[in-house]
Amino acid sequence: MSINRDYFWFRLFKTRGIGPKLLGSVADILETENLNPEMLPLSQSDLSAQFPKLAKILNGKIRAEDREKVSAEYEQLKRQRINIIYPGHPHFPPHLLEISPILFVKGQQKRLMSDGIAIVGARNVSGTGIRIARKLAGELAGEGINVVSGYAKGVDSAAHLGALAADGTTTIVLPYGIKQLHQKSEFRKFNWEQDVLAVSQFHPAVKWLARNAMARNKLVGALSKAVVVIESGPERDAKGKMSGTFDAAKTALDMNLPLFVLNPSCLDTPPKGNAALIALGGYSLDAVHGAKQIIEHISVKTEEPAPIANWNSAEQLSMPLEDSEVS
């Protein structure tokens, strides 16, 4: 008998006192010891004797009384066709371990393994900015590149729609829980199941929070070979509010990702943030030949990743320690 591995990771995700850092530690131990979850003993004493490092993390945290509630939440996710991607899953990019060990997704999971280009920008974007974003996304999609963005109005939605209109694919990186995702009307004519992947690193029920919108910028970068800024305001506005686009761009630079910024002269009203980001190290992007400029600068693979068998089994068993845990 084997444990359902996505349930195992969801159970850990829901366990109080186990955050992203400890989830990463569990993943490291399982990999180092060449372990699968179904190989773990259920009793505290056996786990401590055989795998003391893992027991040190789990002891005192997993409680049997929480199992029914967590199991019900898990079954609800499955009914809503929400999948859980975790370390060791065939579609989990290993470099995401330190950013988000658990991802909740809907749509084509294999897009996580595709090389992508992120296109980001202001919500209150100019008409010219919208047209450039859609054109660039369409041209990149035509080269087999997956377009990544954040599903906000303005540049983000234009980028997603431009890729889909060109018969390409796109990844939506959400700043809220995936259960809060609603399909916008302009997306309904496209094949959502086949060509769109929606991803969230947050609890499935969490609503939009400003801090989460900033936190997901690192995931946007991690799913991309480069980040493109169409229009950005200054780093902070007159009220001191941080620009999400500017933060995404600085995050890309911090991650040593190529940052391409639309040349301000391409727009009727040059955005203040664009010039500042180019000064920080972004490459000035030409509106006409932007896709070619990006592709020539970076190396991307455009072929589909080879299919890998799903590691999950259908059966749920008790988590290690939960049946013997003392609160």
C-alpha atoms as a PDB file:
ATOM      1  CA  MET A   1       0.000   0.000   0.000  1.00  0.00           C
ATOM      2  CA  SER A   2       1.274   3.453  -0.809  1.00  0.00           C
ATOM      3  CA  ILE A   3       0.439   6.929   0.334  1.00  0.00           C
ATOM      4  CA  ASN A   4      -1.040   9.530  -1.982  1.00  0.00           C
ATOM      5  CA  ARG A   5       1.917  11.868  -2.279  1.00  0.00           C
ATOM      6  CA  ASP A   6       0.095  15.076  -3.081  1.00  0.00           C
ATOM      7  CA  TYR A   7      -2.056  14.490   0.007  1.00  0.00           C
ATOM      8  CA  PHE A   8       1.130  13.982   2.029  1.00  0.00           C
ATOM      9  CA  TRP A   9       2.487  17.375   0.918  1.00  0.00           C
ATOM     10  CA  PHE A  10      -0.863  19.125   1.336  1.00  0.00           C
ATOM     11  CA  ARG A  11      -1.048  17.691   4.855  1.00  0.00           C
ATOM     12  CA  LEU A  12       2.348  19.186   5.638  1.00  0.00           C
ATOM     13  CA  PHE A  13       1.373  22.486   3.993  1.00  0.00           C
ATOM     14  CA  LYS A  14      -1.648  22.671   6.303  1.00  0.00           C
ATOM     15  CA  THR A  15       0.275  21.742   9.438  1.00  0.00           C
ATOM     16  CA  ARG A  16       0.781  24.569  11.906  1.00  0.00           C
ATOM     17  CA  GLY A  17       4.451  25.218  12.526  1.00  0.00           C
ATOM     18  CA  ILE A  18       5.599  23.892   9.132  1.00  0.00           C
ATOM     19  CA  GLY A  19       6.274  26.750   6.730  1.00  0.00           C
ATOM     20  CA  PRO A  20       8.132  26.971   3.400  1.00  0.00           C
ATOM     21  CA  LYS A  21      11.556  26.621   5.024  1.00  0.00           C
ATOM     22  CA  LEU A  22      10.657  23.411   6.854  1.00  0.00           C
ATOM     23  CA  LEU A  23       8.879  22.054   3.778  1.00  0.00           C
ATOM     24  CA  GLY A  24      12.125  22.563   1.911  1.00  0.00           C
ATOM     25  CA  SER A  25      14.002  20.775   4.687  1.00  0.00           C
ATOM     26  CA  VAL A  26      11.628  17.798   4.458  1.00  0.00           C
ATOM     27  CA  ALA A  27      12.190  17.683   0.695  1.00  0.00           C
ATOM     28  CA  ASP A  28      15.970  17.778   1.164  1.00  0.00           C
ATOM     29  CA  ILE A  29      15.866  14.928   3.684  1.00  0.00           C
ATOM     30  CA  LEU A  30      13.649  12.770   1.470  1.00  0.00           C
ATOM     31  CA  GLU A  31      15.981  13.320  -1.470  1.00  0.00           C
ATOM     32  CA  THR A  32      19.158  12.745   0.538  1.00  0.00           C
ATOM     33  CA  GLU A  33      17.804   9.565   2.109  1.00  0.00           C
ATOM     34  CA  ASN A  34      16.269   8.442  -1.207  1.00  0.00           C
ATOM     35  CA  LEU A  35      12.890   8.177   0.502  1.00  0.00           C
ATOM     36  CA  ASN A  36       9.324   8.265  -0.710  1.00  0.00           C
ATOM     37  CA  PRO A  37       6.524   9.288   1.698  1.00  0.00           C
ATOM     38  CA  GLU A  38       5.047   5.786   1.714  1.00  0.00           C
ATOM     39  CA  MET A  39       8.313   4.462   3.130  1.00  0.00           C
ATOM     40  CA  LEU A  40       8.011   6.476   6.349  1.00  0.00           C
ATOM     41  CA  PRO A  41       6.960   4.664   9.526  1.00  0.00           C
ATOM     42  CA  LEU A  42       3.774   5.888  11.183  1.00  0.00           C
ATOM     43  CA  SER A  43       4.905   5.711  14.775  1.00  0.00           C
ATOM     44  CA  GLN A  44       6.900   8.478  16.427  1.00  0.00           C
ATOM     45  CA  SER A  45       9.392   6.046  17.972  1.00  0.00           C
ATOM     46  CA  ASP A  46      10.106   4.271  14.685  1.00  0.00           C
ATOM     47  CA  LEU A  47      10.491   7.538  12.798  1.00  0.00           C
ATOM     48  CA  SER A  48      12.875   8.876  15.459  1.00  0.00           C
ATOM     49  CA  ALA A  49      14.936   5.701  15.331  1.00  0.00           C
ATOM     50  CA  GLN A  50      15.151   5.431  11.552  1.00  0.00           C
ATOM     51  CA  PHE A  51      15.065   9.063  10.392  1.00  0.00           C
ATOM     52  CA  PRO A  52      15.949  11.353  13.316  1.00  0.00           C
ATOM     53  CA  LYS A  53      16.363  14.492  11.190  1.00  0.00           C
ATOM     54  CA  LEU A  54      12.869  14.107   9.768  1.00  0.00           C
ATOM     55  CA  ALA A  55      11.425  13.258  13.174  1.00  0.00           C
ATOM     56  CA  LYS A  56      12.908  16.442  14.599  1.00  0.00           C
ATOM     57  CA  ILE A  57      10.827  18.454  12.106  1.00  0.00           C
ATOM     58  CA  LEU A  58       7.592  16.467  12.422  1.00  0.00           C
ATOM     59  CA  ASN A  59       7.486  15.618  16.129  1.00  0.00           C
ATOM     60  CA  GLY A  60       4.808  17.556  17.965  1.00  0.00           C
ATOM     61  CA  LYS A  61       3.316  19.133  14.848  1.00  0.00           C
ATOM     62  CA  ILE A  62       1.133  16.617  12.996  1.00  0.00           C
ATOM     63  CA  ARG A  63      -2.044  15.987  14.961  1.00  0.00           C
ATOM     64  CA  ALA A  64      -4.513  13.208  14.273  1.00  0.00           C
ATOM     65  CA  GLU A  65      -7.455  15.419  15.232  1.00  0.00           C
ATOM     66  CA  ASP A  66      -6.758  17.702  12.257  1.00  0.00           C
ATOM     67  CA  ARG A  67      -6.874  14.902   9.723  1.00  0.00           C
ATOM     68  CA  GLU A  68     -10.603  14.940   8.961  1.00  0.00           C
ATOM     69  CA  LYS A  69     -10.657  18.672   8.227  1.00  0.00           C
ATOM     70  CA  VAL A  70      -7.530  18.550   6.071  1.00  0.00           C
ATOM     71  CA  SER A  71      -8.796  15.502   4.193  1.00  0.00           C
ATOM     72  CA  ALA A  72     -12.081  17.287   3.433  1.00  0.00           C
ATOM     73  CA  GLU A  73     -10.190  20.319   2.077  1.00  0.00           C
ATOM     74  CA  TYR A  74      -8.025  18.053  -0.036  1.00  0.00           C
ATOM     75  CA  GLU A  75     -11.033  16.258  -1.531  1.00  0.00           C
ATOM     76  CA  GLN A  76     -12.635  19.612  -2.326  1.00  0.00           C
ATOM     77  CA  LEU A  77      -9.528  20.691  -4.239  1.00  0.00           C
ATOM     78  CA  LYS A  78      -9.679  17.508  -6.260  1.00  0.00           C
ATOM     79  CA  ARG A  79     -13.340  18.052  -7.092  1.00  0.00           C
ATOM     80  CA  GLN A  80     -12.447  21.529  -8.342  1.00  0.00           C
ATOM     81  CA  ARG A  81      -9.660  20.046 -10.482  1.00  0.00           C
ATOM     82  CA  ILE A  82      -6.981  21.866  -8.529  1.00  0.00           C
ATOM     83  CA  ASN A  83      -3.713  19.957  -8.459  1.00  0.00           C
ATOM     84  CA  ILE A  84      -0.863  20.104  -5.963  1.00  0.00           C
ATOM     85  CA  ILE A  85       2.712  20.274  -7.218  1.00  0.00           C
ATOM     86  CA  TYR A  86       5.428  19.410  -4.710  1.00  0.00           C
ATOM     87  CA  PRO A  87       9.136  18.481  -4.549  1.00  0.00           C
ATOM     88  CA  GLY A  88       9.686  15.254  -6.454  1.00  0.00           C
ATOM     89  CA  HIS A  89       6.597  15.704  -8.620  1.00  0.00           C
ATOM     90  CA  PRO A  90       7.422  15.223 -12.322  1.00  0.00           C
ATOM     91  CA  HIS A  91       6.363  18.806 -13.058  1.00  0.00           C
ATOM     92  CA  PHE A  92       8.015  20.524 -10.101  1.00  0.00           C
ATOM     93  CA  PRO A  93      11.003  22.619 -11.238  1.00  0.00           C
ATOM     94  CA  PRO A  94      13.705  21.912  -8.629  1.00  0.00           C
ATOM     95  CA  HIS A  95      14.880  25.523  -8.574  1.00  0.00           C
ATOM     96  CA  LEU A  96      11.513  26.548  -7.088  1.00  0.00           C
ATOM     97  CA  LEU A  97      12.251  24.726  -3.823  1.00  0.00           C
ATOM     98  CA  GLU A  98      13.518  27.824  -2.014  1.00  0.00           C
ATOM     99  CA  ILE A  99      10.800  30.054  -3.487  1.00  0.00           C
ATOM    100  CA  SER A 100       7.678  27.960  -3.045  1.00  0.00           C
ATOM    101  CA  PRO A 101       7.881  24.235  -2.185  1.00  0.00           C
ATOM    102  CA  ILE A 102       4.137  23.776  -2.766  1.00  0.00           C
ATOM    103  CA  LEU A 103       2.185  25.074  -5.748  1.00  0.00           C
ATOM    104  CA  PHE A 104      -1.539  24.863  -6.484  1.00  0.00           C
ATOM    105  CA  VAL A 105      -2.345  24.728 -10.183  1.00  0.00           C
ATOM    106  CA  LYS A 106      -5.157  24.432 -12.705  1.00  0.00           C
ATOM    107  CA  GLY A 107      -4.602  23.640 -16.355  1.00  0.00           C
ATOM    108  CA  GLN A 108      -1.546  22.284 -18.119  1.00  0.00           C
ATOM    109  CA  GLN A 109       0.941  21.293 -15.420  1.00  0.00           C
ATOM    110  CA  LYS A 110       3.722  20.733 -17.959  1.00  0.00           C
ATOM    111  CA  ARG A 111       3.899  24.508 -18.529  1.00  0.00           C
ATOM    112  CA  LEU A 112       5.840  24.665 -15.259  1.00  0.00           C
ATOM    113  CA  MET A 113       8.691  22.946 -17.055  1.00  0.00           C
ATOM    114  CA  SER A 114       8.541  25.159 -20.158  1.00  0.00           C
ATOM    115  CA  ASP A 115      10.888  28.028 -20.814  1.00  0.00           C
ATOM    116  CA  GLY A 116       8.880  31.215 -20.502  1.00  0.00           C
ATOM    117  CA  ILE A 117       9.205  34.956 -20.856  1.00  0.00           C
ATOM    118  CA  ALA A 118       7.382  37.175 -18.357  1.00  0.00           C
ATOM    119  CA  ILE A 119       5.674  40.315 -19.625  1.00  0.00           C
ATOM    120  CA  VAL A 120       4.580  42.739 -16.903  1.00  0.00           C
ATOM    121  CA  GLY A 121       3.432  46.315 -16.611  1.00  0.00           C
ATOM    122  CA  ALA A 122       1.052  48.858 -15.219  1.00  0.00           C
ATOM    123  CA  ARG A 123      -2.657  48.320 -14.792  1.00  0.00           C
ATOM    124  CA  ASN A 124      -3.407  51.822 -16.063  1.00  0.00           C
ATOM    125  CA  VAL A 125      -1.477  51.338 -19.265  1.00  0.00           C
ATOM    126  CA  SER A 126      -1.740  53.440 -22.423  1.00  0.00           C
ATOM    127  CA  GLY A 127      -3.430  52.155 -25.563  1.00  0.00           C
ATOM    128  CA  THR A 128      -0.038  52.008 -27.258  1.00  0.00           C
ATOM    129  CA  GLY A 129       1.342  49.956 -24.368  1.00  0.00           C
ATOM    130  CA  ILE A 130      -1.527  47.487 -24.692  1.00  0.00           C
ATOM    131  CA  ARG A 131      -0.894  47.050 -28.411  1.00  0.00           C
ATOM    132  CA  ILE A 132       2.837  46.558 -27.905  1.00  0.00           C
ATOM    133  CA  ALA A 133       2.273  44.026 -25.109  1.00  0.00           C
ATOM    134  CA  ARG A 134      -0.148  41.984 -27.224  1.00  0.00           C
ATOM    135  CA  LYS A 135       2.100  42.106 -30.293  1.00  0.00           C
ATOM    136  CA  LEU A 136       5.203  41.101 -28.341  1.00  0.00           C
ATOM    137  CA  ALA A 137       3.395  38.261 -26.565  1.00  0.00           C
ATOM    138  CA  GLY A 138       2.026  36.992 -29.868  1.00  0.00           C
ATOM    139  CA  GLU A 139       5.449  37.041 -31.502  1.00  0.00           C
ATOM    140  CA  LEU A 140       7.072  35.217 -28.601  1.00  0.00           C
ATOM    141  CA  ALA A 141       4.255  32.658 -28.577  1.00  0.00           C
ATOM    142  CA  GLY A 142       4.788  32.196 -32.316  1.00  0.00           C
ATOM    143  CA  GLU A 143       8.342  31.112 -31.493  1.00  0.00           C
ATOM    144  CA  GLY A 144       7.030  28.458 -29.102  1.00  0.00           C
ATOM    145  CA  ILE A 145       7.739  30.452 -25.945  1.00  0.00           C
ATOM    146  CA  ASN A 146       5.323  30.317 -23.030  1.00  0.00           C
ATOM    147  CA  VAL A 147       4.228  33.805 -21.918  1.00  0.00           C
ATOM    148  CA  VAL A 148       4.105  34.389 -18.152  1.00  0.00           C
ATOM    149  CA  SER A 149       2.229  37.197 -16.411  1.00  0.00           C
ATOM    150  CA  GLY A 150       0.029  38.060 -13.440  1.00  0.00           C
ATOM    151  CA  TYR A 151      -3.563  38.255 -14.808  1.00  0.00           C
ATOM    152  CA  ALA A 152      -4.117  41.851 -13.660  1.00  0.00           C
ATOM    153  CA  LYS A 153      -5.886  44.271 -15.946  1.00  0.00           C
ATOM    154  CA  GLY A 154      -3.727  46.261 -18.335  1.00  0.00           C
ATOM    155  CA  VAL A 155      -0.407  44.832 -19.486  1.00  0.00           C
ATOM    156  CA  ASP A 156      -0.788  41.446 -17.772  1.00  0.00           C
ATOM    157  CA  SER A 157      -4.085  40.567 -19.426  1.00  0.00           C
ATOM    158  CA  ALA A 158      -2.879  41.949 -22.773  1.00  0.00           C
ATOM    159  CA  ALA A 159       0.143  39.656 -22.613  1.00  0.00           C
ATOM    160  CA  HIS A 160      -1.929  36.563 -21.809  1.00  0.00           C
ATOM    161  CA  LEU A 161      -4.438  37.357 -24.546  1.00  0.00           C
ATOM    162  CA  GLY A 162      -1.745  38.147 -27.106  1.00  0.00           C
ATOM    163  CA  ALA A 163      -0.156  34.739 -26.571  1.00  0.00           C
ATOM    164  CA  LEU A 164      -3.476  32.912 -26.792  1.00  0.00           C
ATOM    165  CA  ALA A 165      -4.587  34.812 -29.894  1.00  0.00           C
ATOM    166  CA  ALA A 166      -1.389  33.611 -31.579  1.00  0.00           C
ATOM    167  CA  ASP A 167      -2.297  29.994 -30.732  1.00  0.00           C
ATOM    168  CA  GLY A 168       0.364  29.985 -28.022  1.00  0.00           C
ATOM    169  CA  THR A 169       0.369  29.182 -24.326  1.00  0.00           C
ATOM    170  CA  THR A 170       0.449  31.268 -21.191  1.00  0.00           C
ATOM    171  CA  THR A 171       1.004  30.930 -17.457  1.00  0.00           C
ATOM    172  CA  ILE A 172      -0.993  32.986 -14.966  1.00  0.00           C
ATOM    173  CA  VAL A 173       0.811  33.575 -11.662  1.00  0.00           C
ATOM    174  CA  LEU A 174      -1.776  34.557  -9.078  1.00  0.00           C
ATOM    175  CA  PRO A 175      -1.373  36.937  -6.118  1.00  0.00           C
ATOM    176  CA  TYR A 176      -4.140  35.086  -4.247  1.00  0.00           C
ATOM    177  CA  GLY A 177      -5.398  31.563  -3.612  1.00  0.00           C
ATOM    178  CA  ILE A 178      -6.324  29.534  -6.657  1.00  0.00           C
ATOM    179  CA  LYS A 179      -9.901  29.025  -5.450  1.00  0.00           C
ATOM    180  CA  GLN A 180     -10.336  32.800  -5.934  1.00  0.00           C
ATOM    181  CA  LEU A 181      -9.559  32.512  -9.648  1.00  0.00           C
ATOM    182  CA  HIS A 182     -12.359  33.544 -12.000  1.00  0.00           C
ATOM    183  CA  GLN A 183     -12.116  33.346 -15.761  1.00  0.00           C
ATOM    184  CA  LYS A 184     -12.417  36.774 -17.340  1.00  0.00           C
ATOM    185  CA  SER A 185     -14.909  37.095 -20.177  1.00  0.00           C
ATOM    186  CA  GLU A 186     -12.290  37.913 -22.808  1.00  0.00           C
ATOM    187  CA  PHE A 187     -10.524  34.615 -22.084  1.00  0.00           C
ATOM    188  CA  ARG A 188     -13.564  32.397 -22.602  1.00  0.00           C
ATOM    189  CA  LYS A 189     -13.108  31.960 -26.353  1.00  0.00           C
ATOM    190  CA  PHE A 190      -9.742  30.294 -25.838  1.00  0.00           C
ATOM    191  CA  ASN A 191      -8.907  26.721 -24.832  1.00  0.00           C
ATOM    192  CA  TRP A 192      -8.245  27.318 -21.149  1.00  0.00           C
ATOM    193  CA  GLU A 193      -7.646  23.665 -20.268  1.00  0.00           C
ATOM    194  CA  GLN A 194      -5.104  23.116 -23.028  1.00  0.00           C
ATOM    195  CA  ASP A 195      -3.266  26.444 -23.333  1.00  0.00           C
ATOM    196  CA  VAL A 196      -3.429  28.092 -19.900  1.00  0.00           C
ATOM    197  CA  LEU A 197      -1.763  27.220 -16.609  1.00  0.00           C
ATOM    198  CA  ALA A 198      -2.854  29.055 -13.461  1.00  0.00           C
ATOM    199  CA  VAL A 199      -0.424  28.879 -10.535  1.00  0.00           C
ATOM    200  CA  SER A 200      -0.633  30.017  -6.908  1.00  0.00           C
ATOM    201  CA  GLN A 201       1.847  29.638  -4.068  1.00  0.00           C
ATOM    202  CA  PHE A 202      -0.713  30.715  -1.465  1.00  0.00           C
ATOM    203  CA  HIS A 203      -3.364  28.867   0.527  1.00  0.00           C
ATOM    204  CA  PRO A 204      -6.156  28.078  -1.977  1.00  0.00           C
ATOM    205  CA  ALA A 205      -8.752  30.229  -0.154  1.00  0.00           C
ATOM    206  CA  VAL A 206      -6.596  33.343   0.461  1.00  0.00           C
ATOM    207  CA  LYS A 207      -7.931  36.567  -1.035  1.00  0.00           C
ATOM    208  CA  TRP A 208      -5.847  39.323  -2.640  1.00  0.00           C
ATOM    209  CA  LEU A 209      -3.326  40.995  -0.362  1.00  0.00           C
ATOM    210  CA  ALA A 210      -0.803  43.644  -1.374  1.00  0.00           C
ATOM    211  CA  ARG A 211       2.067  41.778   0.265  1.00  0.00           C
ATOM    212  CA  ASN A 212       1.195  38.614  -1.660  1.00  0.00           C
ATOM    213  CA  ALA A 213       1.136  40.555  -4.918  1.00  0.00           C
ATOM    214  CA  MET A 214       4.733  41.557  -4.216  1.00  0.00           C
ATOM    215  CA  ALA A 215       5.726  38.103  -2.947  1.00  0.00           C
ATOM    216  CA  ARG A 216       4.603  36.368  -6.134  1.00  0.00           C
ATOM    217  CA  ASN A 217       7.018  38.481  -8.226  1.00  0.00           C
ATOM    218  CA  LYS A 218       9.818  36.072  -7.353  1.00  0.00           C
ATOM    219  CA  LEU A 219       7.725  33.162  -8.638  1.00  0.00           C
ATOM    220  CA  VAL A 220       7.035  35.082 -11.868  1.00  0.00           C
ATOM    221  CA  GLY A 221      10.767  35.443 -12.329  1.00  0.00           C
ATOM    222  CA  ALA A 222      11.524  31.842 -11.412  1.00  0.00           C
ATOM    223  CA  LEU A 223       9.142  30.602 -14.122  1.00  0.00           C
ATOM    224  CA  SER A 224      10.815  32.788 -16.746  1.00  0.00           C
ATOM    225  CA  LYS A 225      14.064  33.074 -18.666  1.00  0.00           C
ATOM    226  CA  ALA A 226      13.670  36.856 -18.785  1.00  0.00           C
ATOM    227  CA  VAL A 227      11.286  39.595 -17.647  1.00  0.00           C
ATOM    228  CA  VAL A 228       9.906  42.305 -19.929  1.00  0.00           C
ATOM    229  CA  VAL A 229       8.494  45.594 -18.643  1.00  0.00           C
ATOM    230  CA  ILE A 230       6.086  47.426 -20.947  1.00  0.00           C
ATOM    231  CA  GLU A 231       5.150  50.387 -18.757  1.00  0.00           C
ATOM    232  CA  SER A 232       6.147  51.094 -15.154  1.00  0.00           C
ATOM    233  CA  GLY A 233       5.512  53.972 -12.833  1.00  0.00           C
ATOM    234  CA  PRO A 234       8.261  55.238 -10.544  1.00  0.00           C
ATOM    235  CA  GLU A 235       9.485  52.975  -7.767  1.00  0.00           C
ATOM    236  CA  ARG A 236       7.173  54.817  -5.365  1.00  0.00           C
ATOM    237  CA  ASP A 237       4.369  57.220  -6.122  1.00  0.00           C
ATOM    238  CA  ALA A 238       3.712  60.564  -4.428  1.00  0.00           C
ATOM    239  CA  LYS A 239       2.062  58.748  -1.519  1.00  0.00           C
ATOM    240  CA  GLY A 240       5.003  56.401  -1.071  1.00  0.00           C
ATOM    241  CA  LYS A 241       3.198  53.368  -2.506  1.00  0.00           C
ATOM    242  CA  MET A 242       5.499  50.834  -4.151  1.00  0.00           C
ATOM    243  CA  SER A 243       4.939  50.060  -7.832  1.00  0.00           C
ATOM    244  CA  GLY A 244       4.281  46.356  -8.332  1.00  0.00           C
ATOM    245  CA  THR A 245       5.798  46.461 -11.811  1.00  0.00           C
ATOM    246  CA  PHE A 246       8.930  48.220 -10.594  1.00  0.00           C
ATOM    247  CA  ASP A 247       9.262  45.648  -7.805  1.00  0.00           C
ATOM    248  CA  ALA A 248       8.899  42.791 -10.310  1.00  0.00           C
ATOM    249  CA  ALA A 249      11.664  44.336 -12.408  1.00  0.00           C
ATOM    250  CA  LYS A 250      14.010  44.815  -9.451  1.00  0.00           C
ATOM    251  CA  THR A 251      13.280  41.248  -8.366  1.00  0.00           C
ATOM    252  CA  ALA A 252      14.326  40.044 -11.815  1.00  0.00           C
ATOM    253  CA  LEU A 253      17.603  41.945 -11.532  1.00  0.00           C
ATOM    254  CA  ASP A 254      18.192  40.525  -8.048  1.00  0.00           C
ATOM    255  CA  MET A 255      17.654  37.037  -9.507  1.00  0.00           C
ATOM    256  CA  ASN A 256      20.187  37.770 -12.274  1.00  0.00           C
ATOM    257  CA  LEU A 257      17.498  37.442 -14.924  1.00  0.00           C
ATOM    258  CA  PRO A 258      17.751  39.499 -18.109  1.00  0.00           C
ATOM    259  CA  LEU A 259      15.430  42.499 -17.773  1.00  0.00           C
ATOM    260  CA  PHE A 260      14.080  44.125 -20.930  1.00  0.00           C
ATOM    261  CA  VAL A 261      12.354  47.488 -20.604  1.00  0.00           C
ATOM    262  CA  LEU A 262      10.397  49.143 -23.388  1.00  0.00           C
ATOM    263  CA  ASN A 263      12.250  52.245 -24.514  1.00  0.00           C
ATOM    264  CA  PRO A 264      10.273  55.213 -23.144  1.00  0.00           C
ATOM    265  CA  SER A 265      10.509  56.948 -26.529  1.00  0.00           C
ATOM    266  CA  CYS A 266       8.179  54.272 -27.951  1.00  0.00           C
ATOM    267  CA  LEU A 267       5.306  55.747 -25.930  1.00  0.00           C
ATOM    268  CA  ASP A 268       3.513  59.070 -26.263  1.00  0.00           C
ATOM    269  CA  THR A 269       3.905  59.735 -22.548  1.00  0.00           C
ATOM    270  CA  PRO A 270       7.194  58.164 -21.439  1.00  0.00           C
ATOM    271  CA  PRO A 271       6.679  56.233 -18.150  1.00  0.00           C
ATOM    272  CA  LYS A 272       8.996  57.436 -15.390  1.00  0.00           C
ATOM    273  CA  GLY A 273       9.747  53.933 -14.234  1.00  0.00           C
ATOM    274  CA  ASN A 274      11.009  52.706 -17.607  1.00  0.00           C
ATOM    275  CA  ALA A 275      13.941  55.111 -17.765  1.00  0.00           C
ATOM    276  CA  ALA A 276      14.833  54.383 -14.140  1.00  0.00           C
ATOM    277  CA  LEU A 277      14.839  50.621 -14.739  1.00  0.00           C
ATOM    278  CA  ILE A 278      17.051  50.942 -17.804  1.00  0.00           C
ATOM    279  CA  ALA A 279      19.440  53.004 -15.676  1.00  0.00           C
ATOM    280  CA  LEU A 280      19.471  50.164 -13.114  1.00  0.00           C
ATOM    281  CA  GLY A 281      20.602  47.661 -15.728  1.00  0.00           C
ATOM    282  CA  GLY A 282      17.582  46.803 -17.868  1.00  0.00           C
ATOM    283  CA  TYR A 283      18.058  46.393 -21.609  1.00  0.00           C
ATOM    284  CA  SER A 284      16.260  49.005 -23.689  1.00  0.00           C
ATOM    285  CA  LEU A 285      13.667  47.177 -25.784  1.00  0.00           C
ATOM    286  CA  ASP A 286      12.649  48.172 -29.280  1.00  0.00           C
ATOM    287  CA  ALA A 287       8.891  48.042 -29.900  1.00  0.00           C
ATOM    288  CA  VAL A 288       9.222  46.778 -33.479  1.00  0.00           C
ATOM    289  CA  HIS A 289      11.905  44.108 -33.133  1.00  0.00           C
ATOM    290  CA  GLY A 290      11.506  43.333 -29.436  1.00  0.00           C
ATOM    291  CA  ALA A 291      10.814  39.598 -29.756  1.00  0.00           C
ATOM    292  CA  LYS A 292      13.870  39.061 -31.957  1.00  0.00           C
ATOM    293  CA  GLN A 293      15.989  41.107 -29.549  1.00  0.00           C
ATOM    294  CA  ILE A 294      14.904  38.959 -26.587  1.00  0.00           C
ATOM    295  CA  ILE A 295      15.320  35.621 -28.355  1.00  0.00           C
ATOM    296  CA  GLU A 296      18.786  36.515 -29.636  1.00  0.00           C
ATOM    297  CA  HIS A 297      19.873  37.553 -26.151  1.00  0.00           C
ATOM    298  CA  ILE A 298      18.806  34.454 -24.257  1.00  0.00           C
ATOM    299  CA  SER A 299      18.805  30.745 -24.899  1.00  0.00           C
ATOM    300  CA  VAL A 300      15.385  29.121 -24.769  1.00  0.00           C
ATOM    301  CA  LYS A 301      14.156  25.662 -25.565  1.00  0.00           C
ATOM    302  CA  THR A 302      10.801  25.635 -27.299  1.00  0.00           C
ATOM    303  CA  GLU A 303      10.131  21.906 -27.644  1.00  0.00           C
ATOM    304  CA  GLU A 304       7.569  20.241 -25.428  1.00  0.00           C
ATOM    305  CA  PRO A 305       8.996  18.437 -22.371  1.00  0.00           C
ATOM    306  CA  ALA A 306       8.795  14.667 -22.536  1.00  0.00           C
ATOM    307  CA  PRO A 307       5.816  13.230 -20.632  1.00  0.00           C
ATOM    308  CA  ILE A 308       6.651  11.650 -17.292  1.00  0.00           C
ATOM    309  CA  ALA A 309       4.417   9.200 -15.468  1.00  0.00           C
ATOM    310  CA  ASN A 310       2.517  10.604 -12.497  1.00  0.00           C
ATOM    311  CA  TRP A 311       3.998   9.439  -9.225  1.00  0.00           C
ATOM    312  CA  ASN A 312       0.770   9.693  -7.248  1.00  0.00           C
ATOM    313  CA  SER A 313      -1.313   6.787  -6.060  1.00  0.00           C
ATOM    314  CA  ALA A 314      -5.002   7.057  -5.353  1.00  0.00           C
ATOM    315  CA  GLU A 315      -4.942   5.895  -1.779  1.00  0.00           C
ATOM    316  CA  GLN A 316      -4.628   8.081   1.322  1.00  0.00           C
ATOM    317  CA  LEU A 317      -3.024   6.651   4.435  1.00  0.00           C
ATOM    318  CA  SER A 318      -2.270   8.154   7.791  1.00  0.00           C
ATOM    319  CA  MET A 319       0.560  10.655   7.907  1.00  0.00           C
ATOM    320  CA  PRO A 320       3.687   9.689   9.849  1.00  0.00           C
ATOM    321  CA  LEU A 321       3.137  10.312  13.571  1.00  0.00           C
ATOM    322  CA  GLU A 322      -0.433  11.524  13.333  1.00  0.00           C
ATOM    323  CA  ASP A 323      -1.986   8.436  14.877  1.00  0.00           C
ATOM    324  CA  SER A 324       0.422   8.471  17.817  1.00  0.00           C
ATOM    325  CA  GLU A 325       1.007  12.203  18.209  1.00  0.00           C
ATOM    326  CA  VAL A 326       0.471  13.627  21.665  1.00  0.00           C
ATOM    327  CA  SER A 327      -0.560  17.293  21.774  1.00  0.00           C
END
